Amino acid sequence: MRRIDRRRVERLRRRVLTVGLSFAAGALAATALIAHNETPARAIEPAVVATSGVSLDEAAAPHETVAPRTAAIEAAPPPISDAIAALSKRHLLIPVEGIGPGQLQDTYDDARALGRRHDAIDIMAPRGTEVRAADDGTVAKLFTSKAGGLTIYEFDPTETFSYYYAHLDRYASGLAERQSVRRGQLLGYVGSTGNASESAPHLHFAIARLGTDRSWWKGDPINPYPLLAK
């Protein structure tokens, strides 16, 4: 009788222990679930990335839209055809004394060294023939180069166009940079300085539309022939 009671007691003890452990586990799970529901997880905010011209503080400001600064866009120049039309109204002077329209030759597209285009016309004339300003303007640069020899860069009054006179034998007396000149004014004399042939003196004459920086050594070339031969 005593053995039976002991077995029953042991089984009862085990049941009580099992029930107790199950109750404790359930209580812990319930506590964790309640805590989870009452404390929502913090939302992950996207990282703030600064855009060009905008600081991180500006980008992170709440309820504020910050527009990035955009670089200034330079207006495109008008078509070259418009420039040619404007020049055609200037009635440019043939810059070599005694030369008429019928004596001009269109050498603008002729090939030159290294596959480049001539981008100018050669006006043949005896050495020492007077070279005159094709238009009103200002002497932007007096320059001596290996190819062009003794040269003049003249800007028109609006500084839109550049007139280039090259292979000069010499300049007119008193000619200077930043000097204002009038159409027909004496600038220099035909020669063969630079890479021109000694036996073929001529004026290398070119026209270019200047860029916004007004650099005397560059621009968009324009064929002078149609403007002088009309």
C-alpha atoms as a PDB file:
ATOM      1  CA  MET A   1       0.000   0.000   0.000  1.00  0.00           C
ATOM      2  CA  ARG A   2       2.861   2.240   0.844  1.00  0.00           C
ATOM      3  CA  ARG A   3       4.500   1.592  -2.645  1.00  0.00           C
ATOM      4  CA  ILE A   4       1.321   2.535  -4.505  1.00  0.00           C
ATOM      5  CA  ASP A   5       1.048   5.800  -2.669  1.00  0.00           C
ATOM      6  CA  ARG A   6       4.624   6.665  -3.436  1.00  0.00           C
ATOM      7  CA  ARG A   7       4.090   6.038  -7.174  1.00  0.00           C
ATOM      8  CA  ARG A   8       0.980   8.142  -7.203  1.00  0.00           C
ATOM      9  CA  VAL A   9       2.767  10.915  -5.404  1.00  0.00           C
ATOM     10  CA  GLU A  10       5.661  10.773  -7.875  1.00  0.00           C
ATOM     11  CA  ARG A  11       3.325  10.917 -10.852  1.00  0.00           C
ATOM     12  CA  LEU A  12       1.454  13.825  -9.320  1.00  0.00           C
ATOM     13  CA  ARG A  13       4.679  15.680  -8.629  1.00  0.00           C
ATOM     14  CA  ARG A  14       5.751  15.274 -12.231  1.00  0.00           C
ATOM     15  CA  ARG A  15       2.405  16.532 -13.526  1.00  0.00           C
ATOM     16  CA  VAL A  16       2.542  19.566 -11.290  1.00  0.00           C
ATOM     17  CA  LEU A  17       6.084  20.318 -12.424  1.00  0.00           C
ATOM     18  CA  THR A  18       5.137  19.966 -16.114  1.00  0.00           C
ATOM     19  CA  VAL A  19       2.108  22.180 -15.704  1.00  0.00           C
ATOM     20  CA  GLY A  20       4.165  24.761 -13.883  1.00  0.00           C
ATOM     21  CA  LEU A  21       6.841  24.871 -16.555  1.00  0.00           C
ATOM     22  CA  SER A  22       4.223  25.159 -19.318  1.00  0.00           C
ATOM     23  CA  PHE A  23       2.498  27.987 -17.473  1.00  0.00           C
ATOM     24  CA  ALA A  24       5.785  29.848 -16.995  1.00  0.00           C
ATOM     25  CA  ALA A  25       6.728  29.489 -20.685  1.00  0.00           C
ATOM     26  CA  GLY A  26       3.309  30.728 -21.740  1.00  0.00           C
ATOM     27  CA  ALA A  27       3.543  33.693 -19.405  1.00  0.00           C
ATOM     28  CA  LEU A  28       6.941  34.700 -20.801  1.00  0.00           C
ATOM     29  CA  ALA A  29       5.675  34.412 -24.382  1.00  0.00           C
ATOM     30  CA  ALA A  30       2.613  36.508 -23.601  1.00  0.00           C
ATOM     31  CA  THR A  31       4.741  39.147 -21.922  1.00  0.00           C
ATOM     32  CA  ALA A  32       7.068  39.358 -24.920  1.00  0.00           C
ATOM     33  CA  LEU A  33       4.116  39.611 -27.319  1.00  0.00           C
ATOM     34  CA  ILE A  34       2.519  42.424 -25.300  1.00  0.00           C
ATOM     35  CA  ALA A  35       5.793  44.305 -25.142  1.00  0.00           C
ATOM     36  CA  HIS A  36       6.241  43.934 -28.890  1.00  0.00           C
ATOM     37  CA  ASN A  37       2.753  45.289 -29.624  1.00  0.00           C
ATOM     38  CA  GLU A  38       3.094  48.260 -27.263  1.00  0.00           C
ATOM     39  CA  THR A  39       6.564  49.360 -28.551  1.00  0.00           C
ATOM     40  CA  PRO A  40       6.503  49.485 -32.367  1.00  0.00           C
ATOM     41  CA  ALA A  41       9.802  49.190 -34.156  1.00  0.00           C
ATOM     42  CA  ARG A  42      11.350  52.461 -35.226  1.00  0.00           C
ATOM     43  CA  ALA A  43      10.979  53.063 -38.948  1.00  0.00           C
ATOM     44  CA  ILE A  44      14.228  53.094 -40.892  1.00  0.00           C
ATOM     45  CA  GLU A  45      14.697  56.502 -42.447  1.00  0.00           C
ATOM     46  CA  PRO A  46      16.347  56.803 -45.848  1.00  0.00           C
ATOM     47  CA  ALA A  47      19.873  58.149 -45.841  1.00  0.00           C
ATOM     48  CA  VAL A  48      20.222  61.827 -46.705  1.00  0.00           C
ATOM     49  CA  VAL A  49      22.264  62.403 -49.837  1.00  0.00           C
ATOM     50  CA  ALA A  50      23.420  65.921 -50.670  1.00  0.00           C
ATOM     51  CA  THR A  51      22.831  67.012 -54.262  1.00  0.00           C
ATOM     52  CA  SER A  52      24.986  69.462 -56.153  1.00  0.00           C
ATOM     53  CA  GLY A  53      24.862  72.857 -54.532  1.00  0.00           C
ATOM     54  CA  VAL A  54      22.742  71.679 -51.559  1.00  0.00           C
ATOM     55  CA  SER A  55      24.168  71.068 -48.068  1.00  0.00           C
ATOM     56  CA  LEU A  56      23.245  68.012 -45.980  1.00  0.00           C
ATOM     57  CA  ASP A  57      21.419  70.224 -43.450  1.00  0.00           C
ATOM     58  CA  GLU A  58      19.271  71.718 -46.202  1.00  0.00           C
ATOM     59  CA  ALA A  59      18.517  68.313 -47.665  1.00  0.00           C
ATOM     60  CA  ALA A  60      17.473  66.935 -44.241  1.00  0.00           C
ATOM     61  CA  ALA A  61      15.141  69.817 -43.303  1.00  0.00           C
ATOM     62  CA  PRO A  62      11.596  68.415 -42.610  1.00  0.00           C
ATOM     63  CA  HIS A  63       8.688  69.363 -44.832  1.00  0.00           C
ATOM     64  CA  GLU A  64      10.889  71.510 -47.018  1.00  0.00           C
ATOM     65  CA  THR A  65      11.627  71.036 -50.682  1.00  0.00           C
ATOM     66  CA  VAL A  66      15.073  72.234 -51.674  1.00  0.00           C
ATOM     67  CA  ALA A  67      15.639  72.727 -55.391  1.00  0.00           C
ATOM     68  CA  PRO A  68      19.236  72.038 -56.496  1.00  0.00           C
ATOM     69  CA  ARG A  69      21.056  74.928 -58.062  1.00  0.00           C
ATOM     70  CA  THR A  70      21.510  74.528 -61.786  1.00  0.00           C
ATOM     71  CA  ALA A  71      24.494  75.739 -63.738  1.00  0.00           C
ATOM     72  CA  ALA A  72      23.879  78.722 -65.959  1.00  0.00           C
ATOM     73  CA  ILE A  73      23.326  77.649 -69.540  1.00  0.00           C
ATOM     74  CA  GLU A  74      24.915  79.918 -72.064  1.00  0.00           C
ATOM     75  CA  ALA A  75      22.649  80.865 -74.922  1.00  0.00           C
ATOM     76  CA  ALA A  76      23.634  79.233 -78.178  1.00  0.00           C
ATOM     77  CA  PRO A  77      24.903  81.608 -80.859  1.00  0.00           C
ATOM     78  CA  PRO A  78      22.592  82.296 -83.796  1.00  0.00           C
ATOM     79  CA  PRO A  79      23.069  80.203 -86.948  1.00  0.00           C
ATOM     80  CA  ILE A  80      26.115  81.084 -89.025  1.00  0.00           C
ATOM     81  CA  SER A  81      23.748  81.909 -91.874  1.00  0.00           C
ATOM     82  CA  ASP A  82      22.420  84.809 -89.800  1.00  0.00           C
ATOM     83  CA  ALA A  83      25.965  86.068 -89.309  1.00  0.00           C
ATOM     84  CA  ILE A  84      26.619  85.931 -93.046  1.00  0.00           C
ATOM     85  CA  ALA A  85      23.377  87.811 -93.726  1.00  0.00           C
ATOM     86  CA  ALA A  86      24.435  90.524 -91.277  1.00  0.00           C
ATOM     87  CA  LEU A  87      27.854  90.826 -92.900  1.00  0.00           C
ATOM     88  CA  SER A  88      26.331  91.095 -96.364  1.00  0.00           C
ATOM     89  CA  LYS A  89      24.682  94.338 -95.268  1.00  0.00           C
ATOM     90  CA  ARG A  90      28.044  95.843 -94.276  1.00  0.00           C
ATOM     91  CA  HIS A  91      29.209  96.231 -97.903  1.00  0.00           C
ATOM     92  CA  LEU A  92      32.720  95.147 -97.002  1.00  0.00           C
ATOM     93  CA  LEU A  93      35.563  96.713 -98.930  1.00  0.00           C
ATOM     94  CA  ILE A  94      37.959  94.521-100.887  1.00  0.00           C
ATOM     95  CA  PRO A  95      40.999  95.066 -98.647  1.00  0.00           C
ATOM     96  CA  VAL A  96      43.634  95.318-101.402  1.00  0.00           C
ATOM     97  CA  GLU A  97      43.954  98.577-103.303  1.00  0.00           C
ATOM     98  CA  GLY A  98      43.133  98.362-107.012  1.00  0.00           C
ATOM     99  CA  ILE A  99      41.574  94.871-106.917  1.00  0.00           C
ATOM    100  CA  GLY A 100      38.022  94.467-108.287  1.00  0.00           C
ATOM    101  CA  PRO A 101      35.455  91.733-107.618  1.00  0.00           C
ATOM    102  CA  GLY A 102      36.225  89.998-110.919  1.00  0.00           C
ATOM    103  CA  GLN A 103      39.853  89.506-109.916  1.00  0.00           C
ATOM    104  CA  LEU A 104      39.057  87.563-106.772  1.00  0.00           C
ATOM    105  CA  GLN A 105      39.326  83.792-106.592  1.00  0.00           C
ATOM    106  CA  ASP A 106      37.500  81.588-104.123  1.00  0.00           C
ATOM    107  CA  THR A 107      40.270  79.648-102.380  1.00  0.00           C
ATOM    108  CA  TYR A 108      38.316  79.197 -99.139  1.00  0.00           C
ATOM    109  CA  ASP A 109      37.871  75.409 -99.499  1.00  0.00           C
ATOM    110  CA  ASP A 110      41.346  74.727-100.849  1.00  0.00           C
ATOM    111  CA  ALA A 111      43.311  72.048 -99.016  1.00  0.00           C
ATOM    112  CA  ARG A 112      46.338  73.034 -97.006  1.00  0.00           C
ATOM    113  CA  ALA A 113      49.001  71.173 -95.013  1.00  0.00           C
ATOM    114  CA  LEU A 114      47.958  68.452 -92.550  1.00  0.00           C
ATOM    115  CA  GLY A 115      44.582  68.063 -94.272  1.00  0.00           C
ATOM    116  CA  ARG A 116      43.205  71.374 -93.050  1.00  0.00           C
ATOM    117  CA  ARG A 117      40.992  73.704 -95.067  1.00  0.00           C
ATOM    118  CA  HIS A 118      42.264  77.137 -96.117  1.00  0.00           C
ATOM    119  CA  ASP A 119      39.342  79.015 -94.497  1.00  0.00           C
ATOM    120  CA  ALA A 120      40.419  82.242 -96.234  1.00  0.00           C
ATOM    121  CA  ILE A 121      40.986  83.739 -99.661  1.00  0.00           C
ATOM    122  CA  ASP A 122      44.304  84.776-101.148  1.00  0.00           C
ATOM    123  CA  ILE A 123      44.185  88.130-102.936  1.00  0.00           C
ATOM    124  CA  MET A 124      47.134  88.273-105.311  1.00  0.00           C
ATOM    125  CA  ALA A 125      48.818  91.658-105.781  1.00  0.00           C
ATOM    126  CA  PRO A 126      52.313  93.101-106.255  1.00  0.00           C
ATOM    127  CA  ARG A 127      54.468  93.480-103.174  1.00  0.00           C
ATOM    128  CA  GLY A 128      53.896  96.800-101.455  1.00  0.00           C
ATOM    129  CA  THR A 129      50.289  97.206-102.637  1.00  0.00           C
ATOM    130  CA  GLU A 130      48.230  99.004-100.006  1.00  0.00           C
ATOM    131  CA  VAL A 131      46.083  96.899 -97.685  1.00  0.00           C
ATOM    132  CA  ARG A 132      43.028  98.724 -96.359  1.00  0.00           C
ATOM    133  CA  ALA A 133      40.446  98.006 -93.657  1.00  0.00           C
ATOM    134  CA  ALA A 134      37.488  96.046 -94.992  1.00  0.00           C
ATOM    135  CA  ASP A 135      35.183  97.519 -92.335  1.00  0.00           C
ATOM    136  CA  ASP A 136      35.095  99.956 -89.440  1.00  0.00           C
ATOM    137  CA  GLY A 137      36.534  98.483 -86.293  1.00  0.00           C
ATOM    138  CA  THR A 138      39.403  98.233 -83.838  1.00  0.00           C
ATOM    139  CA  VAL A 139      42.867  96.730 -84.163  1.00  0.00           C
ATOM    140  CA  ALA A 140      42.601  93.863 -81.682  1.00  0.00           C
ATOM    141  CA  LYS A 141      46.036  92.360 -82.232  1.00  0.00           C
ATOM    142  CA  LEU A 142      49.244  92.903 -84.190  1.00  0.00           C
ATOM    143  CA  PHE A 143      50.906  89.518 -84.338  1.00  0.00           C
ATOM    144  CA  THR A 144      53.830  87.809 -86.036  1.00  0.00           C
ATOM    145  CA  SER A 145      53.502  84.056 -86.588  1.00  0.00           C
ATOM    146  CA  LYS A 146      55.468  81.385 -88.411  1.00  0.00           C
ATOM    147  CA  ALA A 147      52.607  80.679 -90.821  1.00  0.00           C
ATOM    148  CA  GLY A 148      50.969  84.087 -91.220  1.00  0.00           C
ATOM    149  CA  GLY A 149      54.043  86.246 -90.937  1.00  0.00           C
ATOM    150  CA  LEU A 150      53.148  89.843 -90.162  1.00  0.00           C
ATOM    151  CA  THR A 151      49.413  89.891 -89.351  1.00  0.00           C
ATOM    152  CA  ILE A 152      46.557  92.110 -88.164  1.00  0.00           C
ATOM    153  CA  TYR A 153      43.400  91.058 -86.331  1.00  0.00           C
ATOM    154  CA  GLU A 154      40.639  93.670 -86.592  1.00  0.00           C
ATOM    155  CA  PHE A 155      37.352  93.425 -84.666  1.00  0.00           C
ATOM    156  CA  ASP A 156      34.193  94.989 -86.087  1.00  0.00           C
ATOM    157  CA  PRO A 157      32.469  97.694 -83.942  1.00  0.00           C
ATOM    158  CA  THR A 158      30.178  95.161 -82.249  1.00  0.00           C
ATOM    159  CA  GLU A 159      33.035  92.705 -81.602  1.00  0.00           C
ATOM    160  CA  THR A 160      31.042  90.025 -83.359  1.00  0.00           C
ATOM    161  CA  PHE A 161      33.459  89.470 -86.236  1.00  0.00           C
ATOM    162  CA  SER A 162      37.191  89.365 -86.728  1.00  0.00           C
ATOM    163  CA  TYR A 163      38.986  90.354 -89.954  1.00  0.00           C
ATOM    164  CA  TYR A 164      42.395  88.766 -90.421  1.00  0.00           C
ATOM    165  CA  TYR A 165      45.097  90.207 -92.687  1.00  0.00           C
ATOM    166  CA  ALA A 166      48.220  88.065 -93.124  1.00  0.00           C
ATOM    167  CA  HIS A 167      51.569  87.841 -94.997  1.00  0.00           C
ATOM    168  CA  LEU A 168      51.972  91.640 -94.791  1.00  0.00           C
ATOM    169  CA  ASP A 169      55.236  93.195 -95.895  1.00  0.00           C
ATOM    170  CA  ARG A 170      54.945  95.873 -93.207  1.00  0.00           C
ATOM    171  CA  TYR A 171      52.382  97.794 -91.157  1.00  0.00           C
ATOM    172  CA  ALA A 172      51.132 101.288 -91.916  1.00  0.00           C
ATOM    173  CA  SER A 173      53.053 103.941 -89.991  1.00  0.00           C
ATOM    174  CA  GLY A 174      51.634 104.475 -86.500  1.00  0.00           C
ATOM    175  CA  LEU A 175      49.311 101.459 -86.517  1.00  0.00           C
ATOM    176  CA  ALA A 176      48.775 100.163 -82.967  1.00  0.00           C
ATOM    177  CA  GLU A 177      46.647  97.756 -80.982  1.00  0.00           C
ATOM    178  CA  ARG A 178      43.320  99.070 -79.624  1.00  0.00           C
ATOM    179  CA  GLN A 179      43.365 101.723 -82.328  1.00  0.00           C
ATOM    180  CA  SER A 180      40.055 102.528 -83.997  1.00  0.00           C
ATOM    181  CA  VAL A 181      40.108 102.286 -87.778  1.00  0.00           C
ATOM    182  CA  ARG A 182      37.676 103.284 -90.497  1.00  0.00           C
ATOM    183  CA  ARG A 183      36.626 101.330 -93.580  1.00  0.00           C
ATOM    184  CA  GLY A 184      39.238 101.996 -96.264  1.00  0.00           C
ATOM    185  CA  GLN A 185      41.930 103.152 -93.828  1.00  0.00           C
ATOM    186  CA  LEU A 186      45.492 102.085 -94.649  1.00  0.00           C
ATOM    187  CA  LEU A 187      46.610  99.168 -92.480  1.00  0.00           C
ATOM    188  CA  GLY A 188      49.706  97.827 -94.205  1.00  0.00           C
ATOM    189  CA  TYR A 189      51.190  96.517 -97.433  1.00  0.00           C
ATOM    190  CA  VAL A 190      50.984  93.257 -99.370  1.00  0.00           C
ATOM    191  CA  GLY A 191      53.948  90.958 -98.851  1.00  0.00           C
ATOM    192  CA  SER A 192      55.009  87.337 -98.503  1.00  0.00           C
ATOM    193  CA  THR A 193      56.028  87.005 -94.862  1.00  0.00           C
ATOM    194  CA  GLY A 194      55.387  83.766 -93.008  1.00  0.00           C
ATOM    195  CA  ASN A 195      54.989  80.648 -95.147  1.00  0.00           C
ATOM    196  CA  ALA A 196      53.953  82.532 -98.313  1.00  0.00           C
ATOM    197  CA  SER A 197      56.052  82.112-101.432  1.00  0.00           C
ATOM    198  CA  GLU A 198      58.490  84.965-102.131  1.00  0.00           C
ATOM    199  CA  SER A 199      57.478  84.802-105.784  1.00  0.00           C
ATOM    200  CA  ALA A 200      53.756  85.109-105.070  1.00  0.00           C
ATOM    201  CA  PRO A 201      53.059  88.021-102.713  1.00  0.00           C
ATOM    202  CA  HIS A 202      49.417  88.213-101.675  1.00  0.00           C
ATOM    203  CA  LEU A 203      47.050  89.105 -98.867  1.00  0.00           C
ATOM    204  CA  HIS A 204      45.646  86.175 -96.928  1.00  0.00           C
ATOM    205  CA  PHE A 205      42.246  87.518 -95.837  1.00  0.00           C
ATOM    206  CA  ALA A 206      39.923  85.683 -93.446  1.00  0.00           C
ATOM    207  CA  ILE A 207      36.711  86.446 -91.552  1.00  0.00           C
ATOM    208  CA  ALA A 208      35.551  84.713 -88.371  1.00  0.00           C
ATOM    209  CA  ARG A 209      32.613  85.047 -86.025  1.00  0.00           C
ATOM    210  CA  LEU A 210      34.065  85.559 -82.562  1.00  0.00           C
ATOM    211  CA  GLY A 211      33.167  83.407 -79.568  1.00  0.00           C
ATOM    212  CA  THR A 212      31.721  84.793 -76.359  1.00  0.00           C
ATOM    213  CA  ASP A 213      35.230  85.143 -74.908  1.00  0.00           C
ATOM    214  CA  ARG A 214      36.271  87.412 -77.812  1.00  0.00           C
ATOM    215  CA  SER A 215      39.563  85.554 -78.323  1.00  0.00           C
ATOM    216  CA  TRP A 216      41.324  87.084 -81.325  1.00  0.00           C
ATOM    217  CA  TRP A 217      42.962  83.819 -82.390  1.00  0.00           C
ATOM    218  CA  LYS A 218      39.798  81.736 -82.805  1.00  0.00           C
ATOM    219  CA  GLY A 219      36.221  81.797 -84.079  1.00  0.00           C
ATOM    220  CA  ASP A 220      33.818  80.298 -86.610  1.00  0.00           C
ATOM    221  CA  PRO A 221      35.247  80.804 -90.119  1.00  0.00           C
ATOM    222  CA  ILE A 222      33.171  82.581 -92.766  1.00  0.00           C
ATOM    223  CA  ASN A 223      33.989  82.574 -96.470  1.00  0.00           C
ATOM    224  CA  PRO A 224      34.903  86.160 -97.485  1.00  0.00           C
ATOM    225  CA  TYR A 225      34.550  85.509-101.217  1.00  0.00           C
ATOM    226  CA  PRO A 226      30.726  85.823-101.580  1.00  0.00           C
ATOM    227  CA  LEU A 227      30.824  88.972 -99.440  1.00  0.00           C
ATOM    228  CA  LEU A 228      33.501  90.693-101.516  1.00  0.00           C
ATOM    229  CA  ALA A 229      32.699  89.412-105.015  1.00  0.00           C
ATOM    230  CA  LYS A 230      29.057  90.480-105.131  1.00  0.00           C
END
